């Protein structure tokens, strides 16, 4: 059965009250997980909005939920040093009893890097730095003895972190992105999960087949890689509810990967994703105060999923 989780944009006016309410609803309604972006507070119409810092919010989830998986989609090495990210991930996963999934990325948002003083680098350098960051994180999380690494951007010298994850092999690493030339090869070498973004079923199936080829070349079992997808969700009990949330935007103008509609539309679209090879879908939920919608989606859609 396809798993369904929720993804929140943490920089879009997310505060502690909203986060607590969302977490409790997601846990109580049977969603598989709660994931969130890792960005600095955003600026809209000349004013900054609330934006909860990633690791403080995940530590709260570890202590205040019992069942759901959670983590960043995704945390960039461009402003999160991989040693610190590995340390935080290991500690939070230990606290959660093994429910964290560490999503990592190269970084992309020019405004936040310029505004808060971080170097984004050109694309080639950015991905070289990302690959080194993955080397650092995987060595620290997957080995129970001191490790070393000598790179262009990062270095380790007999380094080890504790407390460790309670899981053999450490915290699972998630690599998010769609690129067949850079992202998929990195996922095949370093990740436990590939998370595609805003991808239609046919494109997902094509990229998923390419990932299988890369895994075979790397000598890895195909089942060692979890296949997931994050995409926008606009759910309503009625068509009028959906139109109200769209605020006048015609449905035909939405990106093809966006799922917008009532329960019947969601069941059909989620079924197509499952047939394409998606094992878990993270629904990007921008209406963070619409807890009734989350409850209705779970109640009307989950019983029909297979």
C-alpha atoms as a PDB file:
ATOM      1  CA  UNK A   1       0.000   0.000   0.000  1.00  0.00           C
ATOM      2  CA  UNK A   2       1.241   3.471  -0.904  1.00  0.00           C
ATOM      3  CA  UNK A   3       2.231   5.467   2.180  1.00  0.00           C
ATOM      4  CA  UNK A   4       1.059   9.082   2.466  1.00  0.00           C
ATOM      5  CA  UNK A   5       2.943  11.722   4.450  1.00  0.00           C
ATOM      6  CA  UNK A   6       2.675  15.502   4.775  1.00  0.00           C
ATOM      7  CA  UNK A   7       5.319  18.088   3.829  1.00  0.00           C
ATOM      8  CA  UNK A   8       5.256  21.633   5.251  1.00  0.00           C
ATOM      9  CA  UNK A   9       7.136  24.713   4.039  1.00  0.00           C
ATOM     10  CA  UNK A  10       8.751  25.726   7.319  1.00  0.00           C
ATOM     11  CA  UNK A  11       9.595  29.251   6.160  1.00  0.00           C
ATOM     12  CA  UNK A  12       6.008  30.114   5.197  1.00  0.00           C
ATOM     13  CA  UNK A  13       4.669  31.581   8.442  1.00  0.00           C
ATOM     14  CA  UNK A  14       5.231  28.448  10.496  1.00  0.00           C
ATOM     15  CA  UNK A  15       5.249  29.064  14.246  1.00  0.00           C
ATOM     16  CA  UNK A  16       5.175  26.779  17.277  1.00  0.00           C
ATOM     17  CA  UNK A  17       1.389  26.767  17.660  1.00  0.00           C
ATOM     18  CA  UNK A  18       0.894  25.729  14.028  1.00  0.00           C
ATOM     19  CA  UNK A  19       3.658  23.120  14.235  1.00  0.00           C
ATOM     20  CA  UNK A  20       2.155  21.517  17.355  1.00  0.00           C
ATOM     21  CA  UNK A  21      -1.314  21.371  15.822  1.00  0.00           C
ATOM     22  CA  UNK A  22      -0.012  19.959  12.535  1.00  0.00           C
ATOM     23  CA  UNK A  23       2.089  17.295  14.244  1.00  0.00           C
ATOM     24  CA  UNK A  24      -0.770  16.088  16.407  1.00  0.00           C
ATOM     25  CA  UNK A  25      -3.178  15.957  13.466  1.00  0.00           C
ATOM     26  CA  UNK A  26      -0.709  14.092  11.240  1.00  0.00           C
ATOM     27  CA  UNK A  27       0.039  11.578  13.986  1.00  0.00           C
ATOM     28  CA  UNK A  28      -3.600  11.047  15.012  1.00  0.00           C
ATOM     29  CA  UNK A  29      -4.941  10.713  11.446  1.00  0.00           C
ATOM     30  CA  UNK A  30      -2.603   7.920  10.394  1.00  0.00           C
ATOM     31  CA  UNK A  31      -0.236   9.712   8.038  1.00  0.00           C
ATOM     32  CA  UNK A  32       3.122   7.984   7.632  1.00  0.00           C
ATOM     33  CA  UNK A  33       5.218  11.040   8.385  1.00  0.00           C
ATOM     34  CA  UNK A  34       5.666  14.789   8.671  1.00  0.00           C
ATOM     35  CA  UNK A  35       8.442  16.431   6.682  1.00  0.00           C
ATOM     36  CA  UNK A  36       9.450  20.037   6.193  1.00  0.00           C
ATOM     37  CA  UNK A  37      11.677  22.306   4.148  1.00  0.00           C
ATOM     38  CA  UNK A  38      14.887  23.841   5.474  1.00  0.00           C
ATOM     39  CA  UNK A  39      14.960  27.511   4.491  1.00  0.00           C
ATOM     40  CA  UNK A  40      15.543  30.795   6.257  1.00  0.00           C
ATOM     41  CA  UNK A  41      12.486  32.958   7.066  1.00  0.00           C
ATOM     42  CA  UNK A  42      10.979  34.257   3.864  1.00  0.00           C
ATOM     43  CA  UNK A  43      10.107  37.806   2.957  1.00  0.00           C
ATOM     44  CA  UNK A  44       6.751  38.512   1.346  1.00  0.00           C
ATOM     45  CA  UNK A  45       5.389  41.958   0.433  1.00  0.00           C
ATOM     46  CA  UNK A  46       8.308  43.635   2.209  1.00  0.00           C
ATOM     47  CA  UNK A  47       7.889  41.870   5.563  1.00  0.00           C
ATOM     48  CA  UNK A  48       9.438  38.723   7.029  1.00  0.00           C
ATOM     49  CA  UNK A  49       7.188  35.834   8.011  1.00  0.00           C
ATOM     50  CA  UNK A  50       7.659  33.327  10.812  1.00  0.00           C
ATOM     51  CA  UNK A  51       9.953  30.421  10.004  1.00  0.00           C
ATOM     52  CA  UNK A  52      10.837  27.753  12.551  1.00  0.00           C
ATOM     53  CA  UNK A  53      14.476  26.677  12.596  1.00  0.00           C
ATOM     54  CA  UNK A  54      14.727  23.114  11.323  1.00  0.00           C
ATOM     55  CA  UNK A  55      16.472  21.143  14.058  1.00  0.00           C
ATOM     56  CA  UNK A  56      14.660  22.698  16.993  1.00  0.00           C
ATOM     57  CA  UNK A  57      11.354  21.736  15.337  1.00  0.00           C
ATOM     58  CA  UNK A  58      12.552  18.181  14.643  1.00  0.00           C
ATOM     59  CA  UNK A  59      13.793  17.730  18.207  1.00  0.00           C
ATOM     60  CA  UNK A  60      10.305  18.723  19.386  1.00  0.00           C
ATOM     61  CA  UNK A  61       8.787  16.092  17.062  1.00  0.00           C
ATOM     62  CA  UNK A  62      11.142  13.426  18.381  1.00  0.00           C
ATOM     63  CA  UNK A  63       9.991  14.032  21.935  1.00  0.00           C
ATOM     64  CA  UNK A  64       6.307  14.748  21.304  1.00  0.00           C
ATOM     65  CA  UNK A  65       5.269  12.157  18.714  1.00  0.00           C
ATOM     66  CA  UNK A  66       5.428   8.383  18.992  1.00  0.00           C
ATOM     67  CA  UNK A  67       4.781   6.895  15.562  1.00  0.00           C
ATOM     68  CA  UNK A  68       5.431   9.117  12.524  1.00  0.00           C
ATOM     69  CA  UNK A  69       8.689   9.409  10.610  1.00  0.00           C
ATOM     70  CA  UNK A  70      10.014  12.898  10.002  1.00  0.00           C
ATOM     71  CA  UNK A  71      12.901  14.912   8.630  1.00  0.00           C
ATOM     72  CA  UNK A  72      14.020  17.679   6.267  1.00  0.00           C
ATOM     73  CA  UNK A  73      13.166  17.759   2.561  1.00  0.00           C
ATOM     74  CA  UNK A  74      15.905  18.755   2.180  1.00  0.00           C
ATOM     75  CA  UNK A  75      18.677  20.319   4.261  1.00  0.00           C
ATOM     76  CA  UNK A  76      21.392  22.022   2.158  1.00  0.00           C
ATOM     77  CA  UNK A  77      25.101  21.638   2.832  1.00  0.00           C
ATOM     78  CA  UNK A  78      25.476  25.193   1.525  1.00  0.00           C
ATOM     79  CA  UNK A  79      24.490  26.616   4.939  1.00  0.00           C
ATOM     80  CA  UNK A  80      24.417  23.473   7.132  1.00  0.00           C
ATOM     81  CA  UNK A  81      27.902  22.129   7.829  1.00  0.00           C
ATOM     82  CA  UNK A  82      27.707  18.339   7.279  1.00  0.00           C
ATOM     83  CA  UNK A  83      29.497  17.511  10.543  1.00  0.00           C
ATOM     84  CA  UNK A  84      26.937  19.498  12.543  1.00  0.00           C
ATOM     85  CA  UNK A  85      24.046  18.051  10.502  1.00  0.00           C
ATOM     86  CA  UNK A  86      25.300  14.518  11.178  1.00  0.00           C
ATOM     87  CA  UNK A  87      25.647  15.238  14.888  1.00  0.00           C
ATOM     88  CA  UNK A  88      22.159  16.751  15.109  1.00  0.00           C
ATOM     89  CA  UNK A  89      20.643  13.917  13.070  1.00  0.00           C
ATOM     90  CA  UNK A  90      22.253  11.225  15.195  1.00  0.00           C
ATOM     91  CA  UNK A  91      21.128  12.896  18.418  1.00  0.00           C
ATOM     92  CA  UNK A  92      17.549  13.550  17.277  1.00  0.00           C
ATOM     93  CA  UNK A  93      17.190  10.041  15.846  1.00  0.00           C
ATOM     94  CA  UNK A  94      18.409   8.629  19.153  1.00  0.00           C
ATOM     95  CA  UNK A  95      15.793  10.697  20.983  1.00  0.00           C
ATOM     96  CA  UNK A  96      13.062   9.577  18.545  1.00  0.00           C
ATOM     97  CA  UNK A  97      13.890   5.894  18.793  1.00  0.00           C
ATOM     98  CA  UNK A  98      14.835   5.675  15.109  1.00  0.00           C
ATOM     99  CA  UNK A  99      12.227   7.704  13.172  1.00  0.00           C
ATOM    100  CA  UNK A 100      14.316  10.429  11.500  1.00  0.00           C
ATOM    101  CA  UNK A 101      15.182  10.437   7.789  1.00  0.00           C
ATOM    102  CA  UNK A 102      17.911  12.914   6.879  1.00  0.00           C
ATOM    103  CA  UNK A 103      17.154  14.645   3.586  1.00  0.00           C
ATOM    104  CA  UNK A 104      20.145  16.439   2.072  1.00  0.00           C
ATOM    105  CA  UNK A 105      20.652  18.740  -0.904  1.00  0.00           C
ATOM    106  CA  UNK A 106      23.209  21.006  -2.562  1.00  0.00           C
ATOM    107  CA  UNK A 107      21.324  24.279  -1.953  1.00  0.00           C
ATOM    108  CA  UNK A 108      19.648  26.441  -4.589  1.00  0.00           C
ATOM    109  CA  UNK A 109      17.824  29.493  -3.174  1.00  0.00           C
ATOM    110  CA  UNK A 110      19.936  32.509  -4.200  1.00  0.00           C
ATOM    111  CA  UNK A 111      18.025  35.096  -2.151  1.00  0.00           C
ATOM    112  CA  UNK A 112      18.479  33.358   1.199  1.00  0.00           C
ATOM    113  CA  UNK A 113      22.164  32.677   0.588  1.00  0.00           C
ATOM    114  CA  UNK A 114      22.856  36.283  -0.399  1.00  0.00           C
ATOM    115  CA  UNK A 115      20.720  37.698   2.417  1.00  0.00           C
ATOM    116  CA  UNK A 116      22.180  35.618   5.217  1.00  0.00           C
ATOM    117  CA  UNK A 117      25.761  35.587   3.993  1.00  0.00           C
ATOM    118  CA  UNK A 118      26.341  32.090   2.609  1.00  0.00           C
ATOM    119  CA  UNK A 119      28.167  31.239  -0.609  1.00  0.00           C
ATOM    120  CA  UNK A 120      26.006  29.261  -3.012  1.00  0.00           C
ATOM    121  CA  UNK A 121      28.849  28.712  -5.572  1.00  0.00           C
ATOM    122  CA  UNK A 122      28.489  27.876  -9.257  1.00  0.00           C
ATOM    123  CA  UNK A 123      26.664  24.684 -10.143  1.00  0.00           C
ATOM    124  CA  UNK A 124      29.729  22.457 -10.618  1.00  0.00           C
ATOM    125  CA  UNK A 125      31.363  23.618  -7.371  1.00  0.00           C
ATOM    126  CA  UNK A 126      28.077  23.337  -5.529  1.00  0.00           C
ATOM    127  CA  UNK A 127      27.685  19.686  -6.459  1.00  0.00           C
ATOM    128  CA  UNK A 128      31.320  18.908  -5.654  1.00  0.00           C
ATOM    129  CA  UNK A 129      30.707  20.382  -2.215  1.00  0.00           C
ATOM    130  CA  UNK A 130      27.472  18.407  -1.911  1.00  0.00           C
ATOM    131  CA  UNK A 131      29.174  15.122  -2.744  1.00  0.00           C
ATOM    132  CA  UNK A 132      31.864  15.820  -0.149  1.00  0.00           C
ATOM    133  CA  UNK A 133      29.158  16.649   2.371  1.00  0.00           C
ATOM    134  CA  UNK A 134      27.534  13.297   1.670  1.00  0.00           C
ATOM    135  CA  UNK A 135      30.867  11.556   2.196  1.00  0.00           C
ATOM    136  CA  UNK A 136      31.291  13.277   5.557  1.00  0.00           C
ATOM    137  CA  UNK A 137      27.750  12.543   6.752  1.00  0.00           C
ATOM    138  CA  UNK A 138      27.651   8.918   5.638  1.00  0.00           C
ATOM    139  CA  UNK A 139      31.039   8.140   7.169  1.00  0.00           C
ATOM    140  CA  UNK A 140      30.045   9.679  10.487  1.00  0.00           C
ATOM    141  CA  UNK A 141      26.587   8.093  10.615  1.00  0.00           C
ATOM    142  CA  UNK A 142      27.315   4.625   9.226  1.00  0.00           C
ATOM    143  CA  UNK A 143      30.563   3.759  10.993  1.00  0.00           C
ATOM    144  CA  UNK A 144      30.935   2.959  14.673  1.00  0.00           C
ATOM    145  CA  UNK A 145      34.641   3.723  14.739  1.00  0.00           C
ATOM    146  CA  UNK A 146      36.564   6.970  14.073  1.00  0.00           C
ATOM    147  CA  UNK A 147      36.682   8.000  10.403  1.00  0.00           C
ATOM    148  CA  UNK A 148      38.800  10.318   8.267  1.00  0.00           C
ATOM    149  CA  UNK A 149      38.250  12.243   5.030  1.00  0.00           C
ATOM    150  CA  UNK A 150      40.400  14.740   3.149  1.00  0.00           C
ATOM    151  CA  UNK A 151      38.467  16.851   0.662  1.00  0.00           C
ATOM    152  CA  UNK A 152      38.412  20.228  -1.039  1.00  0.00           C
ATOM    153  CA  UNK A 153      35.686  21.611   1.235  1.00  0.00           C
ATOM    154  CA  UNK A 154      35.624  19.347   4.306  1.00  0.00           C
ATOM    155  CA  UNK A 155      37.956  17.200   6.352  1.00  0.00           C
ATOM    156  CA  UNK A 156      37.769  14.605   9.124  1.00  0.00           C
ATOM    157  CA  UNK A 157      40.630  13.253  11.206  1.00  0.00           C
ATOM    158  CA  UNK A 158      39.720  10.217  13.340  1.00  0.00           C
ATOM    159  CA  UNK A 159      36.294  11.732  14.001  1.00  0.00           C
ATOM    160  CA  UNK A 160      33.334  10.049  15.694  1.00  0.00           C
ATOM    161  CA  UNK A 161      29.955  11.242  16.957  1.00  0.00           C
ATOM    162  CA  UNK A 162      27.781  10.121  19.880  1.00  0.00           C
ATOM    163  CA  UNK A 163      24.999   9.487  20.817  1.00  0.00           C
ATOM    164  CA  UNK A 164      24.310   7.305  17.829  1.00  0.00           C
ATOM    165  CA  UNK A 165      21.127   6.261  16.078  1.00  0.00           C
ATOM    166  CA  UNK A 166      19.550   3.134  17.579  1.00  0.00           C
ATOM    167  CA  UNK A 167      19.353   1.637  14.066  1.00  0.00           C
ATOM    168  CA  UNK A 168      22.080  -0.538  12.575  1.00  0.00           C
ATOM    169  CA  UNK A 169      23.624   1.451   9.739  1.00  0.00           C
ATOM    170  CA  UNK A 170      22.619   4.781  11.225  1.00  0.00           C
ATOM    171  CA  UNK A 171      20.148   7.444  10.116  1.00  0.00           C
ATOM    172  CA  UNK A 172      18.798   6.828   6.568  1.00  0.00           C
ATOM    173  CA  UNK A 173      20.016   9.399   4.031  1.00  0.00           C
ATOM    174  CA  UNK A 174      17.494  10.913   1.601  1.00  0.00           C
ATOM    175  CA  UNK A 175      18.631  12.729  -1.546  1.00  0.00           C
ATOM    176  CA  UNK A 176      16.001  14.934  -3.133  1.00  0.00           C
ATOM    177  CA  UNK A 177      15.913  16.068  -6.753  1.00  0.00           C
ATOM    178  CA  UNK A 178      15.081  15.028 -10.288  1.00  0.00           C
ATOM    179  CA  UNK A 179      18.310  15.379 -12.259  1.00  0.00           C
ATOM    180  CA  UNK A 180      19.427  12.233 -14.120  1.00  0.00           C
ATOM    181  CA  UNK A 181      22.982  13.521 -14.649  1.00  0.00           C
ATOM    182  CA  UNK A 182      23.944  14.645 -11.124  1.00  0.00           C
ATOM    183  CA  UNK A 183      21.272  13.754  -8.561  1.00  0.00           C
ATOM    184  CA  UNK A 184      20.464  10.154  -9.477  1.00  0.00           C
ATOM    185  CA  UNK A 185      24.134   9.012  -9.558  1.00  0.00           C
ATOM    186  CA  UNK A 186      24.695  10.623  -6.144  1.00  0.00           C
ATOM    187  CA  UNK A 187      21.613   8.862  -4.800  1.00  0.00           C
ATOM    188  CA  UNK A 188      22.800   5.507  -6.146  1.00  0.00           C
ATOM    189  CA  UNK A 189      26.165   5.922  -4.418  1.00  0.00           C
ATOM    190  CA  UNK A 190      25.181   7.492  -1.109  1.00  0.00           C
ATOM    191  CA  UNK A 191      21.440   7.446  -0.342  1.00  0.00           C
ATOM    192  CA  UNK A 192      18.947   5.113   1.279  1.00  0.00           C
ATOM    193  CA  UNK A 193      16.048   6.992  -0.330  1.00  0.00           C
ATOM    194  CA  UNK A 194      15.495   8.994  -3.503  1.00  0.00           C
ATOM    195  CA  UNK A 195      12.849  11.715  -3.222  1.00  0.00           C
ATOM    196  CA  UNK A 196      11.584  13.111  -6.524  1.00  0.00           C
ATOM    197  CA  UNK A 197       9.929  16.533  -6.658  1.00  0.00           C
ATOM    198  CA  UNK A 198       6.771  17.535  -8.577  1.00  0.00           C
ATOM    199  CA  UNK A 199       7.061  14.647 -11.034  1.00  0.00           C
ATOM    200  CA  UNK A 200       4.305  13.025 -13.080  1.00  0.00           C
ATOM    201  CA  UNK A 201       3.928   9.216 -12.984  1.00  0.00           C
ATOM    202  CA  UNK A 202       5.388   8.646 -16.449  1.00  0.00           C
ATOM    203  CA  UNK A 203       8.485  10.747 -15.774  1.00  0.00           C
ATOM    204  CA  UNK A 204       8.904   9.125 -12.359  1.00  0.00           C
ATOM    205  CA  UNK A 205       8.787   5.655 -13.926  1.00  0.00           C
ATOM    206  CA  UNK A 206      11.440   6.680 -16.450  1.00  0.00           C
ATOM    207  CA  UNK A 207      13.797   8.135 -13.813  1.00  0.00           C
ATOM    208  CA  UNK A 208      13.120   5.213 -11.493  1.00  0.00           C
ATOM    209  CA  UNK A 209      14.243   2.785 -14.208  1.00  0.00           C
ATOM    210  CA  UNK A 210      17.414   4.837 -14.660  1.00  0.00           C
ATOM    211  CA  UNK A 211      18.030   4.674 -10.920  1.00  0.00           C
ATOM    212  CA  UNK A 212      17.730   0.883 -11.101  1.00  0.00           C
ATOM    213  CA  UNK A 213      20.477   0.846 -13.742  1.00  0.00           C
ATOM    214  CA  UNK A 214      22.735   2.998 -11.562  1.00  0.00           C
ATOM    215  CA  UNK A 215      22.146   0.789  -8.538  1.00  0.00           C
ATOM    216  CA  UNK A 216      23.097  -2.308 -10.521  1.00  0.00           C
ATOM    217  CA  UNK A 217      26.264  -0.559 -11.711  1.00  0.00           C
ATOM    218  CA  UNK A 218      27.076   0.295  -8.075  1.00  0.00           C
ATOM    219  CA  UNK A 219      26.519  -3.322  -7.018  1.00  0.00           C
ATOM    220  CA  UNK A 220      23.575  -2.432  -4.792  1.00  0.00           C
ATOM    221  CA  UNK A 221      20.325  -4.387  -4.432  1.00  0.00           C
ATOM    222  CA  UNK A 222      17.393  -2.514  -5.965  1.00  0.00           C
ATOM    223  CA  UNK A 223      15.398  -2.926  -2.755  1.00  0.00           C
ATOM    224  CA  UNK A 224      18.090  -1.032  -0.817  1.00  0.00           C
ATOM    225  CA  UNK A 225      16.707   2.249  -2.221  1.00  0.00           C
ATOM    226  CA  UNK A 226      13.372   3.648  -1.111  1.00  0.00           C
ATOM    227  CA  UNK A 227      11.521   5.585  -3.853  1.00  0.00           C
ATOM    228  CA  UNK A 228       9.405   8.570  -2.757  1.00  0.00           C
ATOM    229  CA  UNK A 229       7.872  11.722  -4.243  1.00  0.00           C
ATOM    230  CA  UNK A 230       6.970  15.181  -2.944  1.00  0.00           C
ATOM    231  CA  UNK A 231       4.213  17.068  -4.759  1.00  0.00           C
ATOM    232  CA  UNK A 232       1.645  19.798  -4.085  1.00  0.00           C
ATOM    233  CA  UNK A 233      -1.776  18.750  -2.775  1.00  0.00           C
ATOM    234  CA  UNK A 234      -4.985  20.783  -2.885  1.00  0.00           C
ATOM    235  CA  UNK A 235      -7.756  18.719  -1.329  1.00  0.00           C
ATOM    236  CA  UNK A 236     -11.412  19.549  -0.768  1.00  0.00           C
ATOM    237  CA  UNK A 237     -14.470  17.635   0.361  1.00  0.00           C
ATOM    238  CA  UNK A 238     -16.322  19.201  -2.570  1.00  0.00           C
ATOM    239  CA  UNK A 239     -15.316  20.742  -5.873  1.00  0.00           C
ATOM    240  CA  UNK A 240     -16.336  24.121  -4.446  1.00  0.00           C
ATOM    241  CA  UNK A 241     -13.843  23.631  -1.603  1.00  0.00           C
ATOM    242  CA  UNK A 242     -11.080  22.950  -4.121  1.00  0.00           C
ATOM    243  CA  UNK A 243     -11.969  26.042  -6.178  1.00  0.00           C
ATOM    244  CA  UNK A 244     -11.963  28.184  -3.034  1.00  0.00           C
ATOM    245  CA  UNK A 245      -8.439  27.009  -2.137  1.00  0.00           C
ATOM    246  CA  UNK A 246      -7.264  27.697  -5.675  1.00  0.00           C
ATOM    247  CA  UNK A 247      -8.397  31.330  -5.267  1.00  0.00           C
ATOM    248  CA  UNK A 248      -9.506  31.634  -8.877  1.00  0.00           C
ATOM    249  CA  UNK A 249      -6.512  29.878 -10.451  1.00  0.00           C
ATOM    250  CA  UNK A 250      -7.780  27.587 -13.229  1.00  0.00           C
ATOM    251  CA  UNK A 251      -6.982  23.940 -12.609  1.00  0.00           C
ATOM    252  CA  UNK A 252      -5.664  23.572 -16.137  1.00  0.00           C
ATOM    253  CA  UNK A 253      -2.948  26.126 -15.291  1.00  0.00           C
ATOM    254  CA  UNK A 254      -1.539  24.015 -12.456  1.00  0.00           C
ATOM    255  CA  UNK A 255       1.649  22.040 -12.944  1.00  0.00           C
ATOM    256  CA  UNK A 256       0.771  18.552 -14.220  1.00  0.00           C
ATOM    257  CA  UNK A 257       2.229  16.912 -11.091  1.00  0.00           C
ATOM    258  CA  UNK A 258      -0.025  18.864  -8.704  1.00  0.00           C
ATOM    259  CA  UNK A 259      -2.876  16.833  -7.213  1.00  0.00           C
ATOM    260  CA  UNK A 260      -6.003  18.993  -6.906  1.00  0.00           C
ATOM    261  CA  UNK A 261      -9.491  17.666  -6.298  1.00  0.00           C
ATOM    262  CA  UNK A 262     -11.769  15.665  -4.067  1.00  0.00           C
ATOM    263  CA  UNK A 263     -11.228  12.132  -2.737  1.00  0.00           C
ATOM    264  CA  UNK A 264     -11.905  10.462  -6.093  1.00  0.00           C
ATOM    265  CA  UNK A 265      -9.224  12.541  -7.827  1.00  0.00           C
ATOM    266  CA  UNK A 266      -6.710  11.821  -5.070  1.00  0.00           C
ATOM    267  CA  UNK A 267      -7.371   8.082  -5.077  1.00  0.00           C
ATOM    268  CA  UNK A 268      -6.897   7.923  -8.840  1.00  0.00           C
ATOM    269  CA  UNK A 269      -3.756  10.068  -8.938  1.00  0.00           C
ATOM    270  CA  UNK A 270      -2.145   8.338  -5.967  1.00  0.00           C
ATOM    271  CA  UNK A 271      -2.879   4.987  -7.587  1.00  0.00           C
ATOM    272  CA  UNK A 272      -1.044   6.100 -10.736  1.00  0.00           C
ATOM    273  CA  UNK A 273       1.974   7.128  -8.671  1.00  0.00           C
ATOM    274  CA  UNK A 274       1.994   3.788  -6.884  1.00  0.00           C
ATOM    275  CA  UNK A 275       1.921   1.945 -10.215  1.00  0.00           C
ATOM    276  CA  UNK A 276       4.882   4.086 -11.374  1.00  0.00           C
ATOM    277  CA  UNK A 277       6.947   2.861  -8.422  1.00  0.00           C
ATOM    278  CA  UNK A 278       6.358   5.514  -5.749  1.00  0.00           C
ATOM    279  CA  UNK A 279       6.437   3.910  -2.296  1.00  0.00           C
ATOM    280  CA  UNK A 280       5.594   7.020  -0.294  1.00  0.00           C
ATOM    281  CA  UNK A 281       4.192  10.381  -1.387  1.00  0.00           C
ATOM    282  CA  UNK A 282       4.800  13.534   0.653  1.00  0.00           C
ATOM    283  CA  UNK A 283       1.906  15.908   0.025  1.00  0.00           C
ATOM    284  CA  UNK A 284       3.006  19.545   0.178  1.00  0.00           C
ATOM    285  CA  UNK A 285       0.332  21.135   2.370  1.00  0.00           C
ATOM    286  CA  UNK A 286       0.445  24.931   2.193  1.00  0.00           C
ATOM    287  CA  UNK A 287      -2.801  25.547   4.107  1.00  0.00           C
ATOM    288  CA  UNK A 288      -1.173  25.013   7.483  1.00  0.00           C
ATOM    289  CA  UNK A 289      -4.301  25.997   9.440  1.00  0.00           C
ATOM    290  CA  UNK A 290      -6.550  23.625   7.479  1.00  0.00           C
ATOM    291  CA  UNK A 291      -6.522  20.731   9.925  1.00  0.00           C
ATOM    292  CA  UNK A 292     -10.056  19.755   8.923  1.00  0.00           C
ATOM    293  CA  UNK A 293      -8.761  19.205   5.399  1.00  0.00           C
ATOM    294  CA  UNK A 294      -6.001  16.924   6.660  1.00  0.00           C
ATOM    295  CA  UNK A 295      -8.516  14.932   8.657  1.00  0.00           C
ATOM    296  CA  UNK A 296     -10.933  14.695   5.725  1.00  0.00           C
ATOM    297  CA  UNK A 297      -8.222  13.588   3.299  1.00  0.00           C
ATOM    298  CA  UNK A 298      -7.137  10.810   5.639  1.00  0.00           C
ATOM    299  CA  UNK A 299     -10.688   9.718   6.368  1.00  0.00           C
ATOM    300  CA  UNK A 300     -11.910   9.696   2.739  1.00  0.00           C
ATOM    301  CA  UNK A 301      -8.783   8.688   0.805  1.00  0.00           C
ATOM    302  CA  UNK A 302      -6.820   6.258   2.990  1.00  0.00           C
ATOM    303  CA  UNK A 303      -9.546   3.547   3.094  1.00  0.00           C
ATOM    304  CA  UNK A 304      -9.502   3.432  -0.716  1.00  0.00           C
ATOM    305  CA  UNK A 305      -5.732   3.074  -1.164  1.00  0.00           C
ATOM    306  CA  UNK A 306      -4.264  -0.346  -1.931  1.00  0.00           C
END
